[in-house]
Amino acid sequence: MINPEKLIRKGLPKGHFKDLVVRTLLGSVTYIVVLIAALLFGKIIIDGAPVLFKAEAPFVDFEFLTAKNETLHVFDDAQGNRHQLPASAYSDYLAKHEGVTIYNEQTYSYSGGGIAGPIVGTALLTIGSMILALFFGICAAIYLSEYAKQSPFIHAVRLAILNLAGIPSIVFGLFGFSVFVLAVPVITSAPSDRSLLTLPLFIGNYFLSFQGWNSSLIAGCATLACMILPVIITASEESLRAVPQGFRDASLAMGATRWQTIRKCVLPYSLPGILTSSLLSIARVAGETAPIMFTAAVAAKDDLPWQGLKSPFDLLSSQVQALPYHIYTLAARIPNSEYTQSAQYGSVFVFLLLVAVLSAGSMVLRAKLRAKLKW
């Protein structure tokens, strides 16, 4: 007869120490990543928050958020007082103190005024590219998931989409420059001399000219949309496939067409997953510098994008400032000093807040959709 005491395992289970080592290693790696992120964000907050926030009411420097970007003038007056004035205030100072001698004057480009132009430009580029990417990405995902038959060609298409996700952003920037800036066709009555091909339309005096959109907001949005399309297509296709097949079968059995089934029974339940992909894309789109450097961004601009335009459509053909390019200009193209560092960290801090607001809005929308759609 077997002794029951022998069936009871005494001491630590087999492999306990190995499991403890693996758990400790994984936990250590995780906390190291968290520590690095905390140090990075802590550095940005410590150096950038004082630029945006003040000790006195209203505690926020709204001028930094709403004023146009200008050159910063640093100088001493005859009494030895040091002044730091943006170009517009510097001109007013000289007008009020005409004939007064100033000393030790130094100028720092793009370090004075505020960052209203880069904030607006970043928001326009992000929203425009997300609209284009979501439209084309969801359409492609619906076709690949619901209509396309499994074949070597479709597998090759999916492989090409996955490969696009690994292409460096600088390549997308060069692609956008060569296609959207220089070659995409436009309908115009005055073709450019550098047009690659001009075809008459026989409608009035209009031509189809392959001359591109030039460096503009629409060219930047299109380039950024191409860059995030692989993520949106892949995530959207997986979200569509996650919807139970029974939903489709029941709808088709009731006499609905394939498109009615997709529109009413499949697409609404996959929207939370699609919005998840948009969350991943917002931060990447807002933070890219290389693609917009060739297609849309400009370092300095006197007016906001919508000022001085004859038509709302002119907004799409105008160049814009952008926070990533503005930060790059301050960090790489201007001699480093305490005045440029203040503008750098202030811009980075506002940029993080802007990305957080856009991501939070998408998260709230996703949560509301998930609460409504339960299955």
Protein backbone atom coordinates (compact mmCIF):
# COMPACT_ATOMS: atom_id res chain seq x y z
CA MET A 1 0.00 0.00 0.00
CA ILE A 2 1.30 3.45 -0.98
CA ASN A 3 2.07 5.79 1.85
CA PRO A 4 0.04 9.06 1.35
CA GLU A 5 2.92 11.03 2.81
CA LYS A 6 5.02 10.15 -0.21
CA LEU A 7 2.43 11.73 -2.55
CA ILE A 8 2.80 15.11 -0.89
CA ARG A 9 5.58 17.20 -2.48
CA LYS A 10 7.68 18.80 0.17
CA GLY A 11 9.81 21.90 -0.21
CA LEU A 12 9.86 24.22 -3.18
CA PRO A 13 8.36 23.07 -6.47
CA LYS A 14 10.67 21.92 -9.22
CA GLY A 15 11.94 24.79 -11.36
CA HIS A 16 11.07 27.40 -8.75
CA PHE A 17 14.46 29.11 -8.84
CA LYS A 18 14.51 29.18 -12.64
CA ASP A 19 11.04 30.77 -12.64
CA LEU A 20 12.20 33.29 -10.03
CA VAL A 21 15.24 34.25 -12.13
CA VAL A 22 13.15 34.67 -15.30
CA ARG A 23 10.53 36.76 -13.46
CA THR A 24 13.23 38.94 -11.90
CA LEU A 25 14.94 39.44 -15.26
CA LEU A 26 11.71 40.37 -17.03
CA GLY A 27 10.67 42.68 -14.22
CA SER A 28 14.08 44.38 -14.20
CA VAL A 29 13.96 45.03 -17.94
CA THR A 30 10.44 46.43 -17.62
CA TYR A 31 11.36 48.80 -14.79
CA ILE A 32 14.51 49.92 -16.62
CA VAL A 33 12.37 50.92 -19.59
CA VAL A 34 9.97 52.74 -17.26
CA LEU A 35 12.92 54.49 -15.56
CA ILE A 36 14.36 55.64 -18.89
CA ALA A 37 10.95 57.00 -19.95
CA ALA A 38 10.53 58.72 -16.57
CA LEU A 39 13.96 60.35 -16.83
CA LEU A 40 13.26 61.50 -20.39
CA PHE A 41 9.87 62.99 -19.60
CA GLY A 42 11.16 64.38 -16.31
CA LYS A 43 13.96 66.24 -18.10
CA ILE A 44 11.47 67.71 -20.60
CA ILE A 45 9.00 68.70 -17.88
CA ILE A 46 11.64 70.23 -15.60
CA ASP A 47 13.16 72.35 -18.40
CA GLY A 48 10.02 72.97 -20.47
CA ALA A 49 7.29 73.58 -17.90
CA PRO A 50 8.80 76.88 -16.60
CA VAL A 51 8.62 78.26 -20.14
CA LEU A 52 4.87 77.64 -20.36
CA PHE A 53 3.76 78.09 -16.75
CA LYS A 54 4.24 81.12 -14.49
CA ALA A 55 4.05 81.71 -10.76
CA GLU A 56 1.50 84.53 -11.14
CA ALA A 57 -2.09 84.32 -12.37
CA PRO A 58 -3.24 83.15 -14.89
CA PHE A 59 -0.25 80.77 -14.37
CA VAL A 60 -0.01 79.99 -18.11
CA ASP A 61 2.04 82.02 -20.56
CA PHE A 62 -0.64 82.36 -23.23
CA GLU A 63 1.61 84.67 -25.23
CA PHE A 64 3.99 81.76 -25.80
CA LEU A 65 1.08 79.72 -27.19
CA THR A 66 -0.60 82.44 -29.25
CA ALA A 67 2.18 84.77 -30.44
CA LYS A 68 4.01 84.36 -33.73
CA ASN A 69 7.57 83.10 -33.78
CA GLU A 70 10.16 85.88 -34.06
CA THR A 71 13.86 86.62 -33.69
CA LEU A 72 14.94 87.27 -30.10
CA HIS A 73 17.03 90.41 -29.41
CA VAL A 74 19.16 90.41 -26.26
CA PHE A 75 20.91 93.68 -25.28
CA ASP A 76 21.90 95.97 -22.41
CA ASP A 77 20.74 99.55 -22.00
CA ALA A 78 22.82 102.46 -20.74
CA GLN A 79 21.94 101.62 -17.10
CA GLY A 80 23.24 98.06 -17.51
CA ASN A 81 19.81 96.41 -17.53
CA ARG A 82 19.53 93.37 -19.78
CA HIS A 83 16.52 93.13 -22.10
CA GLN A 84 15.17 90.10 -23.99
CA LEU A 85 12.67 91.22 -26.62
CA PRO A 86 11.18 89.62 -29.72
CA ALA A 87 11.62 91.50 -32.99
CA SER A 88 8.27 93.36 -32.82
CA ALA A 89 8.82 94.50 -29.21
CA TYR A 90 12.42 95.40 -30.07
CA SER A 91 11.20 97.72 -32.83
CA ASP A 92 8.76 99.37 -30.42
CA TYR A 93 11.55 99.80 -27.88
CA LEU A 94 13.76 101.55 -30.42
CA ALA A 95 10.87 103.81 -31.46
CA LYS A 96 10.18 104.85 -27.85
CA HIS A 97 13.85 105.31 -26.98
CA GLU A 98 15.04 106.98 -30.13
CA GLY A 99 18.70 107.91 -30.02
CA VAL A 100 19.42 105.73 -26.97
CA THR A 101 22.56 103.64 -27.25
CA ILE A 102 22.29 99.92 -26.64
CA TYR A 103 25.17 97.60 -25.82
CA ASN A 104 26.11 93.96 -26.27
CA GLU A 105 23.29 93.27 -28.69
CA GLN A 106 22.85 89.66 -29.79
CA THR A 107 20.13 88.06 -31.92
CA TYR A 108 18.80 84.50 -31.80
CA SER A 109 16.63 83.38 -34.72
CA TYR A 110 13.29 81.67 -33.99
CA SER A 111 13.85 82.01 -30.23
CA GLY A 112 11.50 84.93 -29.49
CA GLY A 113 7.75 85.43 -29.48
CA GLY A 114 5.66 82.29 -29.37
CA ILE A 115 4.94 79.09 -31.26
CA ALA A 116 1.40 79.66 -32.52
CA GLY A 117 2.41 78.95 -36.13
CA PRO A 118 4.12 75.60 -35.39
CA ILE A 119 1.23 74.48 -33.18
CA VAL A 120 -1.36 75.23 -35.84
CA GLY A 121 0.75 73.67 -38.58
CA THR A 122 1.31 70.48 -36.57
CA ALA A 123 -2.42 70.17 -35.86
CA LEU A 124 -3.31 70.68 -39.53
CA LEU A 125 -0.73 68.15 -40.74
CA THR A 126 -1.81 65.57 -38.16
CA ILE A 127 -5.54 65.91 -38.76
CA GLY A 128 -5.20 66.05 -42.55
CA SER A 129 -2.92 63.00 -42.75
CA MET A 130 -5.12 60.99 -40.38
CA ILE A 131 -8.21 61.72 -42.48
CA LEU A 132 -6.45 60.57 -45.67
CA ALA A 133 -4.84 57.54 -44.03
CA LEU A 134 -8.03 56.36 -42.32
CA PHE A 135 -10.09 56.71 -45.52
CA PHE A 136 -7.68 54.84 -47.80
CA GLY A 137 -6.54 52.44 -45.07
CA ILE A 138 -10.04 51.34 -44.06
CA CYS A 139 -11.08 50.99 -47.71
CA ALA A 140 -8.07 48.77 -48.42
CA ALA A 141 -8.67 46.74 -45.25
CA ILE A 142 -12.33 46.16 -46.17
CA TYR A 143 -11.37 44.91 -49.61
CA LEU A 144 -8.61 42.62 -48.34
CA SER A 145 -10.75 41.23 -45.53
CA GLU A 146 -14.21 41.00 -47.07
CA TYR A 147 -13.89 40.88 -50.86
CA ALA A 148 -10.44 39.65 -51.93
CA LYS A 149 -9.98 35.93 -52.51
CA GLN A 150 -6.91 34.29 -51.04
CA SER A 151 -4.35 34.06 -53.82
CA PRO A 152 -0.59 34.49 -54.31
CA PHE A 153 -1.21 38.03 -55.53
CA ILE A 154 -3.15 39.00 -52.37
CA HIS A 155 -0.43 37.44 -50.21
CA ALA A 156 2.13 39.51 -52.13
CA VAL A 157 0.06 42.65 -51.50
CA ARG A 158 -0.06 41.92 -47.76
CA LEU A 159 3.69 41.30 -47.71
CA ALA A 160 4.30 44.58 -49.52
CA ILE A 161 2.14 46.41 -46.95
CA LEU A 162 4.12 44.88 -44.08
CA ASN A 163 7.40 45.82 -45.76
CA LEU A 164 6.26 49.43 -46.10
CA ALA A 165 6.09 49.68 -42.31
CA GLY A 166 9.85 49.18 -42.10
CA ILE A 167 10.87 51.87 -44.59
CA PRO A 168 12.69 54.86 -42.98
CA SER A 169 10.78 58.11 -42.84
CA ILE A 170 13.44 59.91 -44.88
CA VAL A 171 12.59 57.61 -47.81
CA PHE A 172 8.93 58.59 -47.53
CA GLY A 173 10.04 62.22 -47.51
CA LEU A 174 11.98 61.77 -50.76
CA PHE A 175 9.07 59.86 -52.26
CA GLY A 176 6.64 62.63 -51.31
CA PHE A 177 8.97 65.25 -52.75
CA SER A 178 9.40 63.46 -56.09
CA VAL A 179 5.71 62.53 -56.45
CA PHE A 180 3.46 64.96 -54.59
CA VAL A 181 5.67 68.05 -54.83
CA LEU A 182 7.00 67.63 -58.37
CA ALA A 183 4.91 65.17 -60.39
CA VAL A 184 1.29 64.68 -59.28
CA PRO A 185 -1.20 65.93 -61.94
CA VAL A 186 -3.20 69.12 -61.39
CA ILE A 187 -5.81 70.90 -63.47
CA THR A 188 -4.66 74.43 -64.26
CA SER A 189 -4.97 77.14 -66.87
CA ALA A 190 -1.28 78.11 -66.55
CA PRO A 191 0.99 75.05 -66.63
CA SER A 192 4.38 75.40 -65.00
CA ASP A 193 7.54 75.44 -67.10
CA ARG A 194 8.86 72.45 -65.13
CA SER A 195 5.74 70.35 -65.82
CA LEU A 196 6.68 66.78 -66.76
CA LEU A 197 3.70 66.43 -69.11
CA THR A 198 0.88 68.72 -70.18
CA LEU A 199 -2.37 67.44 -71.72
CA PRO A 200 -5.15 69.72 -73.00
CA LEU A 201 -8.60 69.02 -71.56
CA PHE A 202 -10.57 70.81 -74.32
CA ILE A 203 -12.67 72.45 -71.59
CA GLY A 204 -12.03 76.15 -71.73
CA ASN A 205 -8.33 76.91 -71.44
CA TYR A 206 -7.51 74.21 -68.90
CA PHE A 207 -4.74 71.61 -68.98
CA LEU A 208 -3.86 68.48 -67.05
CA SER A 209 -0.35 69.34 -65.97
CA PHE A 210 1.98 66.90 -64.18
CA GLN A 211 3.67 69.61 -62.13
CA GLY A 212 2.95 68.56 -58.55
CA TRP A 213 1.46 70.44 -55.63
CA ASN A 214 4.71 72.21 -54.74
CA SER A 215 5.73 72.33 -51.07
CA SER A 216 2.33 72.62 -49.41
CA LEU A 217 0.04 71.38 -46.67
CA ILE A 218 -1.69 68.84 -48.92
CA ALA A 219 1.67 67.41 -50.07
CA GLY A 220 2.79 66.99 -46.46
CA CYS A 221 -0.51 65.37 -45.43
CA ALA A 222 -0.35 62.94 -48.37
CA THR A 223 3.25 61.97 -47.55
CA LEU A 224 2.50 61.38 -43.86
CA ALA A 225 -0.62 59.41 -44.79
CA CYS A 226 1.46 57.08 -46.99
CA MET A 227 3.85 56.55 -44.09
CA ILE A 228 1.18 55.34 -41.62
CA LEU A 229 -0.98 53.43 -44.11
CA PRO A 230 0.65 50.04 -43.36
CA VAL A 231 -0.18 50.26 -39.64
CA ILE A 232 -3.77 51.34 -40.26
CA ILE A 233 -4.40 48.74 -42.99
CA THR A 234 -3.00 45.88 -40.93
CA ALA A 235 -4.77 46.84 -37.70
CA SER A 236 -8.06 47.56 -39.49
CA GLU A 237 -7.97 44.22 -41.33
CA GLU A 238 -7.39 42.35 -38.07
CA SER A 239 -10.24 44.26 -36.42
CA LEU A 240 -12.60 43.36 -39.27
CA ARG A 241 -11.62 39.70 -39.05
CA ALA A 242 -12.24 39.70 -35.30
CA VAL A 243 -15.96 40.30 -35.87
CA PRO A 244 -17.69 36.87 -35.64
CA GLN A 245 -18.59 35.26 -38.97
CA GLY A 246 -22.09 34.65 -37.62
CA PHE A 247 -22.84 38.37 -37.90
CA ARG A 248 -22.18 38.21 -41.63
CA ASP A 249 -24.07 34.95 -42.16
CA ALA A 250 -27.14 36.18 -40.29
CA SER A 251 -27.21 39.44 -42.24
CA LEU A 252 -26.82 37.72 -45.61
CA ALA A 253 -29.51 35.20 -44.66
CA MET A 254 -31.92 38.09 -44.03
CA GLY A 255 -31.42 39.27 -47.62
CA ALA A 256 -28.86 42.04 -47.06
CA THR A 257 -26.22 42.69 -49.70
CA ARG A 258 -22.53 42.26 -49.00
CA TRP A 259 -21.98 46.03 -48.65
CA GLN A 260 -25.01 46.42 -46.36
CA THR A 261 -23.64 43.63 -44.20
CA ILE A 262 -20.24 45.28 -43.97
CA ARG A 263 -21.66 48.73 -43.30
CA LYS A 264 -24.25 47.72 -40.70
CA CYS A 265 -22.95 44.54 -39.07
CA VAL A 266 -19.16 44.46 -39.44
CA LEU A 267 -17.69 47.94 -39.62
CA PRO A 268 -19.39 49.38 -36.49
CA TYR A 269 -18.05 46.54 -34.32
CA SER A 270 -14.51 46.90 -35.67
CA LEU A 271 -14.26 50.66 -35.08
CA PRO A 272 -12.67 50.37 -31.59
CA GLY A 273 -9.80 48.34 -33.07
CA ILE A 274 -9.44 50.76 -35.96
CA LEU A 275 -9.24 53.67 -33.52
CA THR A 276 -6.50 51.80 -31.66
CA SER A 277 -4.40 51.89 -34.82
CA SER A 278 -5.11 55.59 -35.14
CA LEU A 279 -3.75 56.08 -31.61
CA LEU A 280 -0.46 54.52 -32.66
CA SER A 281 -0.36 56.66 -35.79
CA ILE A 282 -1.11 60.06 -34.25
CA ALA A 283 2.11 60.21 -32.23
CA ARG A 284 4.23 59.11 -35.20
CA VAL A 285 2.62 61.55 -37.63
CA ALA A 286 2.87 64.49 -35.25
CA GLY A 287 6.52 63.79 -34.46
CA GLU A 288 7.96 63.21 -37.94
CA THR A 289 10.45 65.76 -39.27
CA ALA A 290 12.04 64.24 -42.40
CA PRO A 291 8.86 63.80 -44.50
CA ILE A 292 7.55 67.33 -43.91
CA MET A 293 11.03 68.85 -44.33
CA PHE A 294 10.82 68.06 -48.06
CA THR A 295 7.09 68.50 -48.64
CA ALA A 296 5.40 71.05 -46.38
CA ALA A 297 7.39 72.68 -43.58
CA VAL A 298 8.99 76.09 -43.53
CA ALA A 299 11.21 77.44 -40.75
CA ALA A 300 9.71 80.93 -40.55
CA LYS A 301 6.40 82.39 -41.67
CA ASP A 302 4.94 85.78 -40.81
CA ASP A 303 1.26 84.76 -41.01
CA LEU A 304 -0.80 81.86 -39.78
CA PRO A 305 -1.82 79.38 -42.51
CA TRP A 306 -5.26 80.89 -43.09
CA GLN A 307 -4.20 84.54 -43.07
CA GLY A 308 -3.93 86.38 -46.38
CA LEU A 309 -5.69 83.66 -48.39
CA LYS A 310 -8.18 84.50 -51.13
CA SER A 311 -9.96 81.13 -50.93
CA PRO A 312 -10.27 78.42 -48.25
CA PHE A 313 -8.77 75.97 -50.76
CA ASP A 314 -5.60 78.08 -50.83
CA LEU A 315 -4.90 76.73 -47.35
CA LEU A 316 -4.08 73.32 -48.87
CA SER A 317 -1.49 74.85 -51.19
CA SER A 318 0.27 76.95 -48.55
CA GLN A 319 3.37 76.00 -46.59
CA VAL A 320 3.09 75.60 -42.83
CA GLN A 321 5.31 75.61 -39.81
CA ALA A 322 5.47 72.48 -37.65
CA LEU A 323 6.69 71.83 -34.13
CA PRO A 324 9.06 68.95 -35.02
CA TYR A 325 10.73 71.02 -37.73
CA HIS A 326 10.79 74.06 -35.44
CA ILE A 327 12.52 72.01 -32.72
CA TYR A 328 14.97 70.61 -35.28
CA THR A 329 15.78 74.14 -36.48
CA LEU A 330 16.41 75.38 -32.93
CA ALA A 331 18.54 72.37 -32.03
CA ALA A 332 20.58 71.84 -35.20
CA ARG A 333 20.67 75.05 -37.22
CA ILE A 334 21.18 77.73 -34.57
CA PRO A 335 24.17 78.09 -32.20
CA ASN A 336 23.24 76.69 -28.81
CA SER A 337 22.71 79.14 -25.93
CA GLU A 338 20.58 79.58 -22.85
CA TYR A 339 18.02 81.50 -24.90
CA THR A 340 17.66 78.89 -27.62
CA GLN A 341 17.52 76.09 -25.03
CA SER A 342 14.54 77.76 -23.37
CA ALA A 343 12.69 77.88 -26.69
CA GLN A 344 13.68 74.27 -27.45
CA TYR A 345 12.40 72.74 -24.24
CA GLY A 346 9.30 74.92 -24.22
CA SER A 347 8.46 73.76 -27.75
CA VAL A 348 9.10 70.10 -26.87
CA PHE A 349 6.91 70.36 -23.77
CA VAL A 350 4.03 71.90 -25.72
CA PHE A 351 4.50 69.29 -28.44
CA LEU A 352 4.10 66.48 -25.90
CA LEU A 353 0.96 68.13 -24.54
CA LEU A 354 -0.45 68.45 -28.07
CA VAL A 355 0.17 64.76 -28.84
CA ALA A 356 -1.32 63.81 -25.48
CA VAL A 357 -4.48 65.81 -26.21
CA LEU A 358 -4.91 64.26 -29.66
CA SER A 359 -4.31 60.75 -28.31
CA ALA A 360 -6.63 61.31 -25.35
CA GLY A 361 -9.40 62.44 -27.69
CA SER A 362 -9.03 59.26 -29.72
CA MET A 363 -8.99 57.14 -26.54
CA VAL A 364 -12.18 58.75 -25.25
CA LEU A 365 -13.90 58.16 -28.59
CA ARG A 366 -12.76 54.52 -28.61
CA ALA A 367 -14.03 54.00 -25.04
CA LYS A 368 -17.45 55.43 -25.93
CA LEU A 369 -17.72 53.17 -28.98
CA ARG A 370 -16.75 50.12 -26.93
CA ALA A 371 -19.39 50.98 -24.32
CA LYS A 372 -22.08 51.18 -26.99
CA LEU A 373 -21.09 48.05 -28.92
CA LYS A 374 -21.18 44.88 -26.80
CA TRP A 375 -21.23 41.42 -28.30
